[in-house]
Amino acid sequence: MKNQKTILLVDDDVDYLFQMKLQLERFGFKVVMAESQKEAEGLMSIIKPDLAIFDLMLESEDSGFILCYKMKKKHPDVPIILATAVSTETGFSFGIGSEDERKWIKADLYLEKGIRPEQLQNEINKLLKI
């Protein structure tokens, strides 16, 4: 596909990573995967994805926030989805609904893991304006 969009997908859960990769490929996207913050940072230095999906807790509890910050610093126009199960795992809840939250959480969309495939596709299409 000539105009195929590329998604950078980062998650340390290998099963989830490959399940999401297959899902995204079914939607028609090219997927570049990383299993760690360090690996993702290496990829970010050599590619510019059309969209990124980051898990929150990788090597550390704030890895996803750090990746969002670094991606926005390098490529401010790349939409980012922060997909996490942090609320389920820790009971800690947050969002990006307010201006203050968006200032420090550099994601464009926050999603709890377990999102339905059609909802995920709709959200990605909205962010990519396709």
N, C-alpha and C. Protein backbone atom coordinates (compact mmCIF):
# COMPACT_ATOMS: atom_id res chain seq x y z
N MET A 1 0.83 -1.17 0.00
CA MET A 1 0.00 0.00 0.00
C MET A 1 0.89 1.25 0.00
N LYS A 2 0.69 2.12 -0.98
CA LYS A 2 1.56 3.27 -1.16
C LYS A 2 1.46 4.28 -0.02
N ASN A 3 0.28 4.62 0.39
CA ASN A 3 0.08 5.62 1.43
C ASN A 3 -0.27 5.01 2.78
N GLN A 4 0.25 3.82 3.04
CA GLN A 4 -0.04 3.12 4.28
C GLN A 4 0.55 3.90 5.46
N LYS A 5 -0.26 4.14 6.47
CA LYS A 5 0.17 4.86 7.67
C LYS A 5 0.90 3.90 8.61
N THR A 6 1.91 4.43 9.30
CA THR A 6 2.73 3.64 10.22
C THR A 6 2.38 4.00 11.66
N ILE A 7 2.20 2.96 12.47
CA ILE A 7 1.93 3.13 13.90
C ILE A 7 3.07 2.53 14.70
N LEU A 8 3.60 3.31 15.64
CA LEU A 8 4.59 2.81 16.58
C LEU A 8 3.82 2.30 17.79
N LEU A 9 3.96 1.01 18.06
CA LEU A 9 3.24 0.34 19.14
C LEU A 9 4.24 -0.13 20.19
N VAL A 10 4.07 0.34 21.43
CA VAL A 10 5.03 0.03 22.50
C VAL A 10 4.30 -0.55 23.70
N ASP A 11 4.68 -1.78 24.06
CA ASP A 11 4.10 -2.45 25.22
C ASP A 11 5.05 -3.55 25.66
N ASP A 12 5.19 -3.76 26.96
CA ASP A 12 6.08 -4.81 27.45
C ASP A 12 5.39 -6.16 27.59
N ASP A 13 4.09 -6.20 27.38
CA ASP A 13 3.34 -7.46 27.38
C ASP A 13 3.35 -8.00 25.94
N VAL A 14 4.19 -9.00 25.70
CA VAL A 14 4.41 -9.51 24.35
C VAL A 14 3.13 -10.04 23.73
N ASP A 15 2.31 -10.72 24.51
CA ASP A 15 1.04 -11.24 23.98
C ASP A 15 0.14 -10.10 23.52
N TYR A 16 0.01 -9.07 24.36
CA TYR A 16 -0.81 -7.91 24.01
C TYR A 16 -0.22 -7.21 22.78
N LEU A 17 1.09 -7.09 22.74
CA LEU A 17 1.77 -6.43 21.63
C LEU A 17 1.44 -7.09 20.30
N PHE A 18 1.55 -8.41 20.25
CA PHE A 18 1.29 -9.11 18.99
C PHE A 18 -0.21 -9.14 18.65
N GLN A 19 -1.05 -9.20 19.66
CA GLN A 19 -2.50 -9.14 19.42
C GLN A 19 -2.87 -7.79 18.82
N MET A 20 -2.32 -6.72 19.39
CA MET A 20 -2.59 -5.37 18.87
C MET A 20 -2.00 -5.19 17.47
N LYS A 21 -0.83 -5.75 17.25
CA LYS A 21 -0.19 -5.64 15.93
C LYS A 21 -1.10 -6.25 14.86
N LEU A 22 -1.61 -7.44 15.12
CA LEU A 22 -2.51 -8.08 14.17
C LEU A 22 -3.76 -7.25 13.94
N GLN A 23 -4.30 -6.71 15.01
CA GLN A 23 -5.50 -5.87 14.92
C GLN A 23 -5.24 -4.65 14.04
N LEU A 24 -4.14 -3.96 14.30
CA LEU A 24 -3.80 -2.75 13.56
C LEU A 24 -3.50 -3.06 12.09
N GLU A 25 -2.87 -4.18 11.84
CA GLU A 25 -2.61 -4.58 10.46
C GLU A 25 -3.92 -4.89 9.73
N ARG A 26 -4.87 -5.47 10.43
CA ARG A 26 -6.20 -5.71 9.84
C ARG A 26 -6.88 -4.39 9.47
N PHE A 27 -6.59 -3.35 10.23
CA PHE A 27 -7.15 -2.03 9.92
C PHE A 27 -6.44 -1.39 8.72
N GLY A 28 -5.32 -1.99 8.28
CA GLY A 28 -4.59 -1.48 7.13
C GLY A 28 -3.34 -0.68 7.45
N PHE A 29 -2.88 -0.72 8.70
CA PHE A 29 -1.70 0.04 9.10
C PHE A 29 -0.45 -0.82 9.08
N LYS A 30 0.69 -0.16 8.86
CA LYS A 30 2.00 -0.79 9.05
C LYS A 30 2.33 -0.59 10.53
N VAL A 31 2.84 -1.61 11.19
CA VAL A 31 3.10 -1.53 12.63
C VAL A 31 4.58 -1.77 12.91
N VAL A 32 5.16 -0.85 13.65
CA VAL A 32 6.52 -1.01 14.16
C VAL A 32 6.39 -1.18 15.66
N MET A 33 6.99 -2.25 16.20
CA MET A 33 6.79 -2.58 17.61
C MET A 33 8.06 -2.40 18.43
N ALA A 34 7.85 -2.08 19.71
CA ALA A 34 8.93 -2.05 20.69
C ALA A 34 8.39 -2.61 21.99
N GLU A 35 9.26 -3.30 22.73
CA GLU A 35 8.86 -3.93 23.99
C GLU A 35 9.34 -3.18 25.22
N SER A 36 10.02 -2.04 25.01
CA SER A 36 10.55 -1.29 26.15
C SER A 36 10.68 0.19 25.79
N GLN A 37 10.83 0.99 26.82
CA GLN A 37 11.04 2.42 26.62
C GLN A 37 12.33 2.64 25.84
N LYS A 38 13.37 1.93 26.22
CA LYS A 38 14.67 2.09 25.57
C LYS A 38 14.58 1.75 24.08
N GLU A 39 13.94 0.63 23.76
CA GLU A 39 13.78 0.22 22.36
C GLU A 39 12.94 1.25 21.60
N ALA A 40 11.90 1.76 22.21
CA ALA A 40 11.04 2.76 21.57
C ALA A 40 11.82 4.05 21.30
N GLU A 41 12.62 4.47 22.25
CA GLU A 41 13.42 5.68 22.05
C GLU A 41 14.38 5.52 20.89
N GLY A 42 14.95 4.31 20.74
CA GLY A 42 15.83 4.04 19.60
C GLY A 42 15.08 4.15 18.29
N LEU A 43 13.88 3.59 18.24
CA LEU A 43 13.06 3.67 17.02
C LEU A 43 12.64 5.10 16.72
N MET A 44 12.31 5.85 17.75
CA MET A 44 11.88 7.24 17.56
C MET A 44 13.00 8.09 16.97
N SER A 45 14.24 7.68 17.18
CA SER A 45 15.35 8.46 16.64
C SER A 45 15.56 8.21 15.14
N ILE A 46 14.96 7.12 14.62
CA ILE A 46 15.19 6.81 13.20
C ILE A 46 13.93 6.80 12.34
N ILE A 47 12.76 6.78 12.97
CA ILE A 47 11.51 6.82 12.19
C ILE A 47 10.57 7.88 12.74
N LYS A 48 9.68 8.35 11.89
CA LYS A 48 8.60 9.22 12.33
C LYS A 48 7.30 8.52 11.99
N PRO A 49 6.67 7.91 13.00
CA PRO A 49 5.40 7.24 12.73
C PRO A 49 4.29 8.25 12.48
N ASP A 50 3.20 7.78 11.92
CA ASP A 50 2.03 8.64 11.73
C ASP A 50 1.23 8.76 13.03
N LEU A 51 1.38 7.75 13.91
CA LEU A 51 0.67 7.71 15.19
C LEU A 51 1.45 6.77 16.10
N ALA A 52 1.37 7.01 17.40
CA ALA A 52 2.03 6.14 18.37
C ALA A 52 1.01 5.68 19.42
N ILE A 53 1.17 4.44 19.84
CA ILE A 53 0.37 3.89 20.94
C ILE A 53 1.35 3.39 21.99
N PHE A 54 1.33 4.02 23.17
CA PHE A 54 2.26 3.68 24.23
C PHE A 54 1.53 3.09 25.43
N ASP A 55 2.12 2.04 26.00
CA ASP A 55 1.70 1.56 27.31
C ASP A 55 2.28 2.52 28.34
N LEU A 56 1.68 2.63 29.49
CA LEU A 56 2.19 3.54 30.51
C LEU A 56 3.34 2.94 31.29
N MET A 57 3.14 1.73 31.82
CA MET A 57 4.14 1.15 32.71
C MET A 57 4.99 0.14 31.94
N LEU A 58 6.24 0.54 31.65
CA LEU A 58 7.19 -0.33 30.98
C LEU A 58 8.31 -0.62 31.98
N GLU A 59 9.52 -0.13 31.72
CA GLU A 59 10.61 -0.34 32.68
C GLU A 59 10.31 0.32 34.02
N SER A 60 9.65 1.46 33.95
CA SER A 60 9.27 2.16 35.18
C SER A 60 7.80 2.56 35.07
N GLU A 61 7.24 2.99 36.16
CA GLU A 61 5.82 3.31 36.20
C GLU A 61 5.44 4.51 35.34
N ASP A 62 6.44 5.33 34.97
CA ASP A 62 6.14 6.52 34.18
C ASP A 62 6.74 6.48 32.78
N SER A 63 7.16 5.32 32.32
CA SER A 63 7.79 5.19 30.99
C SER A 63 6.91 5.75 29.88
N GLY A 64 5.63 5.49 29.92
CA GLY A 64 4.72 5.98 28.88
C GLY A 64 4.65 7.49 28.85
N PHE A 65 4.66 8.12 30.03
CA PHE A 65 4.67 9.58 30.09
C PHE A 65 5.95 10.13 29.46
N ILE A 66 7.07 9.48 29.77
CA ILE A 66 8.36 9.92 29.23
C ILE A 66 8.37 9.77 27.71
N LEU A 67 7.85 8.65 27.21
CA LEU A 67 7.80 8.46 25.76
C LEU A 67 6.91 9.50 25.08
N CYS A 68 5.78 9.80 25.70
CA CYS A 68 4.89 10.85 25.16
C CYS A 68 5.64 12.17 25.06
N TYR A 69 6.33 12.54 26.13
CA TYR A 69 7.07 13.79 26.17
C TYR A 69 8.14 13.83 25.07
N LYS A 70 8.90 12.74 24.96
CA LYS A 70 9.99 12.70 23.97
C LYS A 70 9.46 12.71 22.54
N MET A 71 8.36 12.01 22.30
CA MET A 71 7.78 11.99 20.96
C MET A 71 7.28 13.39 20.58
N LYS A 72 6.57 14.04 21.50
CA LYS A 72 6.03 15.37 21.21
C LYS A 72 7.15 16.40 21.02
N LYS A 73 8.26 16.20 21.73
CA LYS A 73 9.40 17.11 21.58
C LYS A 73 10.03 16.94 20.20
N LYS A 74 10.16 15.71 19.75
CA LYS A 74 10.79 15.42 18.46
C LYS A 74 9.82 15.60 17.30
N HIS A 75 8.60 15.12 17.46
CA HIS A 75 7.58 15.17 16.40
C HIS A 75 6.26 15.66 17.00
N PRO A 76 6.09 16.98 17.19
CA PRO A 76 4.89 17.49 17.85
C PRO A 76 3.58 17.16 17.15
N ASP A 77 3.65 16.86 15.86
CA ASP A 77 2.43 16.60 15.09
C ASP A 77 1.99 15.15 15.10
N VAL A 78 2.75 14.26 15.72
CA VAL A 78 2.39 12.84 15.77
C VAL A 78 1.39 12.61 16.90
N PRO A 79 0.17 12.15 16.57
CA PRO A 79 -0.80 11.86 17.62
C PRO A 79 -0.36 10.66 18.47
N ILE A 80 -0.66 10.73 19.75
CA ILE A 80 -0.27 9.67 20.68
C ILE A 80 -1.48 9.19 21.45
N ILE A 81 -1.62 7.86 21.50
CA ILE A 81 -2.62 7.22 22.35
C ILE A 81 -1.86 6.57 23.51
N LEU A 82 -2.25 6.90 24.72
CA LEU A 82 -1.71 6.24 25.90
C LEU A 82 -2.73 5.18 26.30
N ALA A 83 -2.38 3.92 26.05
CA ALA A 83 -3.30 2.80 26.33
C ALA A 83 -2.75 2.03 27.52
N THR A 84 -3.53 1.95 28.57
CA THR A 84 -2.99 1.35 29.78
C THR A 84 -4.07 0.67 30.62
N ALA A 85 -3.62 -0.20 31.49
CA ALA A 85 -4.50 -0.84 32.45
C ALA A 85 -4.14 -0.37 33.86
N VAL A 86 -3.51 0.80 33.96
CA VAL A 86 -3.03 1.29 35.25
C VAL A 86 -4.15 1.42 36.27
N SER A 87 -5.32 1.85 35.86
CA SER A 87 -6.43 1.99 36.82
C SER A 87 -6.82 0.65 37.41
N THR A 88 -6.86 -0.38 36.55
CA THR A 88 -7.20 -1.72 37.01
C THR A 88 -6.12 -2.28 37.91
N GLU A 89 -4.85 -2.05 37.54
CA GLU A 89 -3.73 -2.63 38.28
C GLU A 89 -3.43 -1.91 39.59
N THR A 90 -3.59 -0.59 39.61
CA THR A 90 -3.18 0.17 40.78
C THR A 90 -4.31 0.89 41.50
N GLY A 91 -5.44 1.06 40.83
CA GLY A 91 -6.52 1.84 41.40
C GLY A 91 -6.33 3.34 41.18
N PHE A 92 -5.17 3.72 40.64
CA PHE A 92 -4.87 5.12 40.35
C PHE A 92 -5.55 5.51 39.05
N SER A 93 -6.27 6.60 39.08
CA SER A 93 -7.01 7.03 37.90
C SER A 93 -6.58 8.43 37.48
N PHE A 94 -6.47 8.65 36.19
CA PHE A 94 -6.16 9.96 35.66
C PHE A 94 -6.75 10.05 34.26
N GLY A 95 -6.63 11.20 33.66
CA GLY A 95 -7.15 11.39 32.32
C GLY A 95 -6.48 12.57 31.67
N ILE A 96 -6.96 12.94 30.49
CA ILE A 96 -6.42 14.11 29.81
C ILE A 96 -7.56 15.06 29.43
N GLY A 97 -8.56 15.11 30.29
CA GLY A 97 -9.73 15.92 30.02
C GLY A 97 -9.55 17.40 30.28
N SER A 98 -8.64 17.75 31.18
CA SER A 98 -8.46 19.16 31.50
C SER A 98 -7.18 19.70 30.86
N GLU A 99 -7.10 21.00 30.77
CA GLU A 99 -5.92 21.66 30.21
C GLU A 99 -4.68 21.35 31.04
N ASP A 100 -4.82 21.34 32.38
CA ASP A 100 -3.68 21.03 33.26
C ASP A 100 -3.16 19.62 33.01
N GLU A 101 -4.06 18.66 32.87
CA GLU A 101 -3.64 17.28 32.62
C GLU A 101 -2.92 17.17 31.27
N ARG A 102 -3.43 17.87 30.28
CA ARG A 102 -2.80 17.81 28.95
C ARG A 102 -1.43 18.46 28.93
N LYS A 103 -1.18 19.38 29.86
CA LYS A 103 0.14 20.03 29.93
C LYS A 103 1.23 19.05 30.33
N TRP A 104 0.91 18.14 31.24
CA TRP A 104 1.95 17.21 31.68
C TRP A 104 1.81 15.81 31.09
N ILE A 105 0.63 15.44 30.66
CA ILE A 105 0.45 14.16 29.97
C ILE A 105 0.38 14.51 28.49
N LYS A 106 1.42 14.28 27.77
CA LYS A 106 1.54 14.74 26.38
C LYS A 106 0.84 13.83 25.37
N ALA A 107 -0.13 13.07 25.82
CA ALA A 107 -0.89 12.19 24.92
C ALA A 107 -2.09 12.94 24.35
N ASP A 108 -2.53 12.51 23.18
CA ASP A 108 -3.72 13.09 22.56
C ASP A 108 -4.99 12.36 22.98
N LEU A 109 -4.81 11.10 23.41
CA LEU A 109 -5.95 10.28 23.82
C LEU A 109 -5.48 9.27 24.86
N TYR A 110 -6.30 9.10 25.87
CA TYR A 110 -6.04 8.11 26.92
C TYR A 110 -7.10 7.04 26.82
N LEU A 111 -6.68 5.79 26.70
CA LEU A 111 -7.62 4.67 26.62
C LEU A 111 -7.25 3.59 27.62
N GLU A 112 -8.27 3.04 28.28
CA GLU A 112 -8.05 1.87 29.13
C GLU A 112 -7.93 0.65 28.22
N LYS A 113 -7.00 -0.22 28.53
CA LYS A 113 -6.84 -1.45 27.74
C LYS A 113 -8.13 -2.26 27.81
N GLY A 114 -8.37 -3.00 26.74
CA GLY A 114 -9.61 -3.76 26.63
C GLY A 114 -10.59 -3.05 25.72
N ILE A 115 -10.13 -2.03 25.03
CA ILE A 115 -10.98 -1.29 24.12
C ILE A 115 -11.43 -2.19 22.97
N ARG A 116 -12.67 -2.03 22.57
CA ARG A 116 -13.21 -2.82 21.46
C ARG A 116 -12.52 -2.44 20.15
N PRO A 117 -12.28 -3.40 19.27
CA PRO A 117 -11.56 -3.13 18.02
C PRO A 117 -12.18 -2.00 17.19
N GLU A 118 -13.50 -2.00 17.07
CA GLU A 118 -14.13 -0.95 16.25
C GLU A 118 -13.97 0.43 16.88
N GLN A 119 -13.97 0.49 18.22
CA GLN A 119 -13.76 1.77 18.90
C GLN A 119 -12.32 2.23 18.69
N LEU A 120 -11.37 1.31 18.79
CA LEU A 120 -9.97 1.64 18.57
C LEU A 120 -9.76 2.18 17.16
N GLN A 121 -10.34 1.50 16.18
CA GLN A 121 -10.19 1.93 14.80
C GLN A 121 -10.80 3.33 14.60
N ASN A 122 -11.96 3.57 15.19
CA ASN A 122 -12.59 4.90 15.09
C ASN A 122 -11.72 5.99 15.71
N GLU A 123 -11.15 5.70 16.88
CA GLU A 123 -10.30 6.69 17.56
C GLU A 123 -9.04 6.98 16.75
N ILE A 124 -8.43 5.94 16.20
CA ILE A 124 -7.23 6.12 15.38
C ILE A 124 -7.57 6.94 14.14
N ASN A 125 -8.67 6.60 13.47
CA ASN A 125 -9.08 7.33 12.27
C ASN A 125 -9.34 8.81 12.57
N LYS A 126 -9.94 9.09 13.74
CA LYS A 126 -10.17 10.48 14.12
C LYS A 126 -8.84 11.22 14.31
N LEU A 127 -7.92 10.59 15.00
CA LEU A 127 -6.63 11.24 15.25
C LEU A 127 -5.84 11.45 13.96
N LEU A 128 -5.96 10.50 13.03
CA LEU A 128 -5.24 10.62 11.76
C LEU A 128 -6.03 11.38 10.71
N LYS A 129 -7.26 11.74 11.06
CA LYS A 129 -8.16 12.46 10.16
C LYS A 129 -8.34 11.72 8.83
N ILE A 130 -8.66 10.41 8.97
CA ILE A 130 -8.92 9.59 7.77
C ILE A 130 -10.32 9.00 7.83
